[in-house]
Amino acid sequence: MYTHELYLTIPYFNYSQLKSTFHFLAGLSTGVLSAFLLQPADLLKTRLQQAHSTSLLSTFRAITSGPRPLVHLWRGTLPSIIRTGFGSALYFSTLNALRQQVASSHLLTSTGLVVTTQKDAKHSSSSLPKLSNWANLTTGAAARAGVGLLMMPITVIKVRYESSLYSYESIWGAGTAIWRHEGLKGFFAGFGATAIRDAPYAGLYVLFYEQSKKRLSELGEVAPIVSGSIVDGKGMKSSASLSINFLSGVLAAGLATAITNPFDAVKTRLQLMPGEYKNMIQAGRQMVQDEGARSLFDGMGLRMGRKALSSALAWTLYEELIRRAELRWETASMTVV
């Protein structure tokens, strides 16, 4: 009896640990991939926001006209990969833990913050917990705010690497220079604007993303996006799921980016020119006074394009990895039992 009980307990523990690790690794891999592929767009956005007078075309020409244009376009890739890779890993892990906790809360279920019905599960493109709009908004914002604080030092280094105002040769050199000239607070320059940008962005993104998936899945039920997309009550085929998740990611990122772009513009100025801009409110006012309200939307087109692609790519790959892993875990658990 004792041996039999031990045999049943160990697999549950192992699979629980495996799931947490897998969420971290899935977030890490998707973050690293999107950071590397879209680094040129991030660099161009930073250059546009550091000086309102330049245009996208002139900025691109200035970078590519010099020697080794590809190297310059991918300048700052290492800190970007560290920030986005580990940031995504921590974010997806934290978000999954929060969503699972909220989904299993009897108190939140009774108040309507969690949607527990599974009657439409076979038409869903996701295996993630189904939460209410408010729960999606708050869990996304909370996860992003916490991870943003942890990743703030590498974020400051990344932005300065991409800017033409600094000539750091290495991450270590950048870190020591910031510490020597600005102290600890230099690593958290622009955190207020970053938090106000990232937390609402992440919350709005999760909200719009889940709503888009729901609407597109309902549309697919009436007019399937991919032929034969519904499979025996187990969910959509991978092809239909990928299409819905990617399109939902593009739409959600575009909307969330447009709403939060002013905070991104202010954040960039605070991180690049801390001596000129003291705080978020003063920076915003000075930018509007000196350059007009349009300065708050500098780089929005690039940011929307980059965010749409990076978020859609990261979330689509993440959901697909989790989707496939869940099927294997379910099969393995049934085999063990």
Protein backbone atom coordinates (compact mmCIF):
# COMPACT_ATOMS: atom_id res chain seq x y z
CA MET A 1 0.00 0.00 0.00
CA TYR A 2 2.78 2.39 0.95
CA THR A 3 4.70 1.73 -2.27
CA HIS A 4 1.57 2.17 -4.38
CA GLU A 5 0.74 5.56 -2.83
CA LEU A 6 4.29 6.79 -3.35
CA TYR A 7 4.13 5.76 -7.00
CA LEU A 8 1.01 7.83 -7.56
CA THR A 9 2.34 10.90 -5.76
CA ILE A 10 5.71 11.31 -7.48
CA PRO A 11 4.41 11.81 -11.06
CA TYR A 12 2.07 14.60 -9.96
CA PHE A 13 4.95 16.48 -8.33
CA ASN A 14 7.25 15.98 -11.30
CA TYR A 15 4.68 17.15 -13.84
CA SER A 16 3.87 20.22 -11.75
CA GLN A 17 7.54 21.20 -11.64
CA LEU A 18 7.92 20.40 -15.34
CA LYS A 19 5.03 22.67 -16.30
CA SER A 20 6.47 25.66 -14.42
CA THR A 21 9.87 25.11 -16.01
CA PHE A 22 8.36 24.68 -19.45
CA HIS A 23 6.44 27.97 -19.21
CA PHE A 24 9.73 29.70 -18.34
CA LEU A 25 11.67 28.07 -21.20
CA ALA A 26 8.87 28.70 -23.70
CA GLY A 27 8.82 32.37 -22.78
CA LEU A 28 12.62 32.55 -22.94
CA SER A 29 12.87 31.00 -26.41
CA THR A 30 10.11 33.13 -27.94
CA GLY A 31 11.54 36.29 -26.35
CA VAL A 32 15.05 35.65 -27.66
CA LEU A 33 13.79 34.91 -31.18
CA SER A 34 11.59 38.01 -31.43
CA ALA A 35 14.29 40.26 -29.91
CA PHE A 36 16.89 39.16 -32.45
CA LEU A 37 14.63 39.35 -35.51
CA LEU A 38 13.16 42.76 -34.68
CA GLN A 39 16.19 44.54 -33.17
CA PRO A 40 16.62 46.91 -36.17
CA ALA A 41 13.07 48.23 -35.68
CA ASP A 42 13.75 48.81 -31.98
CA LEU A 43 16.98 50.65 -32.75
CA LEU A 44 15.29 52.88 -35.34
CA LYS A 45 12.49 53.69 -32.86
CA THR A 46 15.01 54.75 -30.21
CA ARG A 47 16.89 56.97 -32.68
CA LEU A 48 13.64 58.61 -33.80
CA GLN A 49 12.54 59.31 -30.23
CA GLN A 50 15.88 60.77 -29.14
CA ALA A 51 15.61 63.61 -31.66
CA HIS A 52 12.21 64.79 -32.88
CA SER A 53 13.65 66.55 -35.94
CA THR A 54 14.73 63.39 -37.74
CA SER A 55 12.62 61.21 -40.02
CA LEU A 56 12.56 57.45 -40.38
CA LEU A 57 14.12 57.53 -43.85
CA SER A 58 16.93 59.91 -42.87
CA THR A 59 17.64 57.89 -39.72
CA PHE A 60 17.78 54.65 -41.69
CA ARG A 61 20.10 56.20 -44.29
CA ALA A 62 22.40 57.60 -41.62
CA ILE A 63 22.79 54.15 -40.06
CA THR A 64 23.20 52.18 -43.28
CA SER A 65 25.47 54.69 -45.06
CA GLY A 66 28.38 53.97 -42.73
CA PRO A 67 30.66 50.91 -42.63
CA ARG A 68 29.13 47.58 -41.58
CA PRO A 69 25.48 48.70 -41.79
CA LEU A 70 24.12 45.33 -40.63
CA VAL A 71 26.25 45.47 -37.50
CA HIS A 72 24.92 48.95 -36.73
CA LEU A 73 21.31 47.91 -37.35
CA TRP A 74 21.70 45.12 -34.81
CA ARG A 75 23.55 47.29 -32.28
CA GLY A 76 22.35 46.56 -28.77
CA THR A 77 21.18 43.05 -29.66
CA LEU A 78 22.83 41.39 -26.64
CA PRO A 79 21.19 43.60 -23.98
CA SER A 80 17.95 43.41 -25.97
CA ILE A 81 18.07 39.60 -25.97
CA ILE A 82 18.85 39.53 -22.25
CA ARG A 83 16.03 41.95 -21.51
CA THR A 84 13.42 40.48 -23.84
CA GLY A 85 14.45 36.85 -23.43
CA PHE A 86 14.53 36.70 -19.65
CA GLY A 87 11.81 39.35 -19.41
CA SER A 88 9.49 37.19 -21.51
CA ALA A 89 10.42 34.09 -19.53
CA LEU A 90 9.65 35.79 -16.21
CA TYR A 91 6.54 37.46 -17.60
CA PHE A 92 4.95 34.33 -19.05
CA SER A 93 5.84 32.32 -15.93
CA THR A 94 4.42 34.96 -13.61
CA LEU A 95 1.35 35.53 -15.75
CA ASN A 96 0.63 31.81 -15.94
CA ALA A 97 0.98 31.47 -12.15
CA LEU A 98 -1.36 34.43 -11.57
CA ARG A 99 -3.93 33.19 -14.07
CA GLN A 100 -3.88 29.68 -12.63
CA GLN A 101 -4.27 31.08 -9.12
CA VAL A 102 -7.15 33.31 -10.16
CA ALA A 103 -8.81 30.49 -12.10
CA SER A 104 -8.69 28.18 -9.06
CA SER A 105 -9.98 30.82 -6.62
CA HIS A 106 -13.48 30.00 -5.41
CA LEU A 107 -13.91 33.57 -4.16
CA LEU A 108 -13.14 35.07 -7.57
CA THR A 109 -15.34 32.51 -9.30
CA SER A 110 -18.28 33.47 -7.11
CA THR A 111 -17.81 37.16 -7.93
CA GLY A 112 -17.72 36.54 -11.68
CA LEU A 113 -14.05 37.43 -12.19
CA VAL A 114 -13.37 33.97 -13.56
CA VAL A 115 -15.19 32.32 -16.45
CA THR A 116 -15.35 28.63 -15.65
CA THR A 117 -17.68 27.37 -18.38
CA GLN A 118 -16.08 25.06 -20.90
CA LYS A 119 -19.04 24.69 -23.24
CA ASP A 120 -17.14 26.37 -26.07
CA ALA A 121 -13.80 24.69 -25.40
CA LYS A 122 -13.87 22.78 -28.67
CA HIS A 123 -14.04 26.08 -30.58
CA SER A 124 -11.22 27.69 -28.63
CA SER A 125 -7.74 28.39 -30.03
CA SER A 126 -6.24 28.38 -26.53
CA SER A 127 -5.71 25.93 -23.66
CA LEU A 128 -5.02 28.74 -21.18
CA PRO A 129 -7.46 29.55 -18.34
CA LYS A 130 -10.57 31.49 -19.39
CA LEU A 131 -10.87 34.62 -17.26
CA SER A 132 -13.12 37.66 -17.29
CA ASN A 133 -12.06 40.89 -19.00
CA TRP A 134 -11.19 42.49 -15.66
CA ALA A 135 -9.13 39.49 -14.56
CA ASN A 136 -7.25 39.43 -17.89
CA LEU A 137 -6.51 43.15 -17.56
CA THR A 138 -5.27 43.03 -13.97
CA THR A 139 -3.20 39.84 -14.20
CA GLY A 140 -1.45 41.08 -17.33
CA ALA A 141 -0.70 44.48 -15.77
CA ALA A 142 0.48 43.03 -12.44
CA ALA A 143 2.81 40.51 -14.05
CA ARG A 144 4.34 43.11 -16.35
CA ALA A 145 4.86 45.71 -13.61
CA GLY A 146 6.74 43.26 -11.41
CA VAL A 147 8.94 41.93 -14.20
CA GLY A 148 9.55 45.47 -15.49
CA LEU A 149 11.05 46.49 -12.15
CA LEU A 150 13.42 43.51 -12.14
CA MET A 151 14.54 44.10 -15.73
CA MET A 152 14.86 47.89 -15.46
CA PRO A 153 18.70 48.06 -15.27
CA ILE A 154 19.20 46.08 -18.47
CA THR A 155 16.40 48.12 -20.09
CA VAL A 156 18.31 51.36 -19.44
CA ILE A 157 21.51 49.83 -20.82
CA LYS A 158 19.64 48.55 -23.89
CA VAL A 159 18.15 51.96 -24.74
CA ARG A 160 21.50 53.72 -24.37
CA TYR A 161 23.20 51.09 -26.51
CA GLU A 162 20.70 51.78 -29.28
CA SER A 163 21.07 55.55 -29.00
CA SER A 164 23.75 57.52 -30.83
CA LEU A 165 24.29 59.67 -27.71
CA TYR A 166 26.43 57.01 -26.01
CA SER A 167 29.33 54.88 -27.22
CA TYR A 168 29.43 51.97 -24.79
CA GLU A 169 31.70 49.12 -25.84
CA SER A 170 30.25 46.43 -23.58
CA ILE A 171 27.44 45.75 -21.13
CA TRP A 172 29.94 45.82 -18.27
CA GLY A 173 31.34 49.14 -19.49
CA ALA A 174 27.85 50.60 -19.75
CA GLY A 175 26.95 49.41 -16.27
CA THR A 176 30.10 50.81 -14.67
CA ALA A 177 29.70 54.14 -16.48
CA ILE A 178 26.11 54.53 -15.31
CA TRP A 179 27.07 53.60 -11.75
CA ARG A 180 30.01 56.02 -11.73
CA HIS A 181 28.15 59.03 -13.11
CA GLU A 182 24.58 58.51 -11.87
CA GLY A 183 24.66 55.93 -9.11
CA LEU A 184 21.97 53.32 -8.47
CA LYS A 185 19.15 55.62 -9.59
CA GLY A 186 20.68 55.72 -13.06
CA PHE A 187 19.68 52.09 -13.61
CA PHE A 188 16.07 52.98 -12.89
CA ALA A 189 15.84 56.17 -14.95
CA GLY A 190 12.39 56.45 -16.48
CA PHE A 191 10.91 53.64 -14.40
CA GLY A 192 7.73 55.63 -13.68
CA ALA A 193 7.04 56.18 -17.36
CA THR A 194 8.08 52.60 -18.13
CA ALA A 195 5.70 51.17 -15.52
CA ILE A 196 2.85 53.40 -16.68
CA ARG A 197 3.56 52.28 -20.24
CA ASP A 198 4.19 48.57 -19.67
CA ALA A 199 1.57 47.71 -17.05
CA PRO A 200 -1.39 49.19 -18.97
CA TYR A 201 0.05 47.87 -22.25
CA ALA A 202 0.34 44.32 -20.92
CA GLY A 203 -3.09 44.46 -19.29
CA LEU A 204 -4.74 45.88 -22.40
CA TYR A 205 -2.86 43.42 -24.59
CA VAL A 206 -4.07 40.37 -22.65
CA LEU A 207 -7.61 41.80 -22.62
CA PHE A 208 -7.69 42.56 -26.36
CA TYR A 209 -5.86 39.32 -27.19
CA GLU A 210 -8.30 37.10 -25.34
CA GLN A 211 -11.30 38.95 -26.75
CA SER A 212 -9.93 38.75 -30.30
CA LYS A 213 -9.32 35.02 -29.95
CA LYS A 214 -12.84 34.54 -28.66
CA ARG A 215 -14.43 36.52 -31.51
CA LEU A 216 -12.29 34.96 -34.21
CA SER A 217 -12.92 31.46 -32.83
CA GLU A 218 -16.67 32.14 -32.93
CA LEU A 219 -16.28 33.38 -36.49
CA GLY A 220 -14.33 30.25 -37.35
CA GLU A 221 -17.22 28.14 -36.03
CA VAL A 222 -19.56 29.74 -38.58
CA ALA A 223 -17.04 30.06 -41.42
CA PRO A 224 -13.91 28.04 -40.58
CA ILE A 225 -10.68 29.92 -41.23
CA VAL A 226 -8.99 26.63 -42.10
CA SER A 227 -10.83 23.72 -43.62
CA GLY A 228 -11.63 21.08 -41.04
CA SER A 229 -10.39 23.26 -38.19
CA ILE A 230 -12.48 21.62 -35.43
CA VAL A 231 -11.30 18.25 -34.19
CA ASP A 232 -13.46 15.92 -32.10
CA GLY A 233 -14.03 18.28 -29.20
CA LYS A 234 -10.32 18.48 -28.40
CA GLY A 235 -9.88 21.95 -29.80
CA MET A 236 -8.80 23.44 -33.09
CA LYS A 237 -6.20 21.99 -35.37
CA SER A 238 -2.81 23.62 -35.06
CA SER A 239 -3.18 25.48 -38.38
CA ALA A 240 -6.40 27.22 -37.36
CA SER A 241 -5.15 27.88 -33.83
CA LEU A 242 -1.94 29.46 -35.13
CA SER A 243 -3.86 31.69 -37.55
CA ILE A 244 -6.29 32.94 -34.91
CA ASN A 245 -3.63 33.48 -32.24
CA PHE A 246 -1.28 35.34 -34.58
CA LEU A 247 -3.98 37.64 -35.96
CA SER A 248 -5.27 38.27 -32.43
CA GLY A 249 -1.75 39.16 -31.33
CA VAL A 250 -1.34 41.67 -34.16
CA LEU A 251 -4.68 43.35 -33.43
CA ALA A 252 -4.13 43.45 -29.66
CA ALA A 253 -0.61 44.83 -29.93
CA GLY A 254 -1.66 47.54 -32.38
CA LEU A 255 -4.44 48.81 -30.12
CA ALA A 256 -2.43 48.63 -26.89
CA THR A 257 0.60 50.30 -28.50
CA ALA A 258 -1.38 53.25 -29.85
CA ILE A 259 -2.88 53.91 -26.41
CA THR A 260 0.43 53.74 -24.49
CA ASN A 261 2.87 55.32 -26.98
CA PRO A 262 3.13 58.74 -25.22
CA PHE A 263 4.56 57.02 -22.15
CA ASP A 264 7.09 55.20 -24.35
CA ALA A 265 8.27 58.49 -25.88
CA VAL A 266 8.64 60.10 -22.45
CA LYS A 267 10.40 57.01 -21.09
CA THR A 268 13.00 57.12 -23.86
CA ARG A 269 13.82 60.78 -23.21
CA LEU A 270 14.17 60.17 -19.46
CA GLN A 271 16.57 57.28 -20.03
CA LEU A 272 18.67 59.02 -22.67
CA MET A 273 18.80 62.53 -21.18
CA PRO A 274 18.32 62.30 -17.41
CA GLY A 275 20.10 65.62 -16.93
CA GLU A 276 17.59 67.50 -19.09
CA TYR A 277 14.43 65.65 -18.08
CA LYS A 278 13.91 65.28 -14.33
CA ASN A 279 10.65 63.33 -14.10
CA MET A 280 7.81 62.00 -16.21
CA ILE A 281 5.49 65.01 -15.84
CA GLN A 282 8.20 67.60 -16.47
CA ALA A 283 9.50 65.62 -19.45
CA GLY A 284 6.05 65.36 -21.01
CA ARG A 285 5.36 69.07 -20.57
CA GLN A 286 8.73 70.11 -21.96
CA MET A 287 8.38 67.83 -24.97
CA VAL A 288 4.96 69.31 -25.79
CA GLN A 289 6.16 72.89 -25.25
CA ASP A 290 9.35 72.53 -27.29
CA GLU A 291 8.26 70.13 -30.02
CA GLY A 292 4.48 69.94 -29.94
CA ALA A 293 2.10 67.14 -28.99
CA ARG A 294 3.27 65.08 -31.97
CA SER A 295 6.55 64.41 -30.14
CA LEU A 296 4.60 62.11 -27.80
CA PHE A 297 3.84 59.91 -30.79
CA ASP A 298 7.33 59.81 -32.30
CA GLY A 299 8.19 56.29 -33.40
CA MET A 300 4.61 55.08 -32.97
CA GLY A 301 4.45 53.54 -36.43
CA LEU A 302 7.66 51.62 -35.88
CA ARG A 303 6.65 50.63 -32.36
CA MET A 304 3.23 49.45 -33.55
CA GLY A 305 4.81 47.39 -36.31
CA ARG A 306 7.48 45.94 -34.05
CA LYS A 307 5.09 45.26 -31.17
CA ALA A 308 2.52 43.70 -33.50
CA LEU A 309 5.08 41.30 -34.93
CA SER A 310 7.00 40.58 -31.71
CA SER A 311 3.93 40.11 -29.52
CA ALA A 312 2.08 38.06 -32.11
CA LEU A 313 5.15 35.90 -32.74
CA ALA A 314 5.95 35.43 -29.04
CA TRP A 315 2.38 34.67 -27.95
CA THR A 316 1.61 32.42 -30.91
CA LEU A 317 4.74 30.32 -30.41
CA TYR A 318 4.25 30.30 -26.64
CA GLU A 319 0.64 29.14 -26.89
CA GLU A 320 1.53 26.50 -29.48
CA LEU A 321 4.36 25.14 -27.32
CA ILE A 322 2.09 25.03 -24.28
CA ARG A 323 -0.73 23.50 -26.35
CA ARG A 324 1.47 20.65 -27.57
CA ALA A 325 3.03 20.13 -24.15
CA GLU A 326 -0.38 19.99 -22.45
CA LEU A 327 -1.46 17.20 -24.79
CA ARG A 328 1.67 15.20 -23.95
CA TRP A 329 1.29 15.84 -20.22
CA GLU A 330 -2.34 14.76 -20.38
CA THR A 331 -1.43 11.59 -22.25
CA ALA A 332 1.45 10.82 -19.87
CA SER A 333 -0.73 11.41 -16.79
CA MET A 334 -3.44 9.07 -18.12
CA THR A 335 -0.79 6.43 -18.82
CA VAL A 336 0.65 6.70 -15.30
CA VAL A 337 -2.75 6.52 -13.62
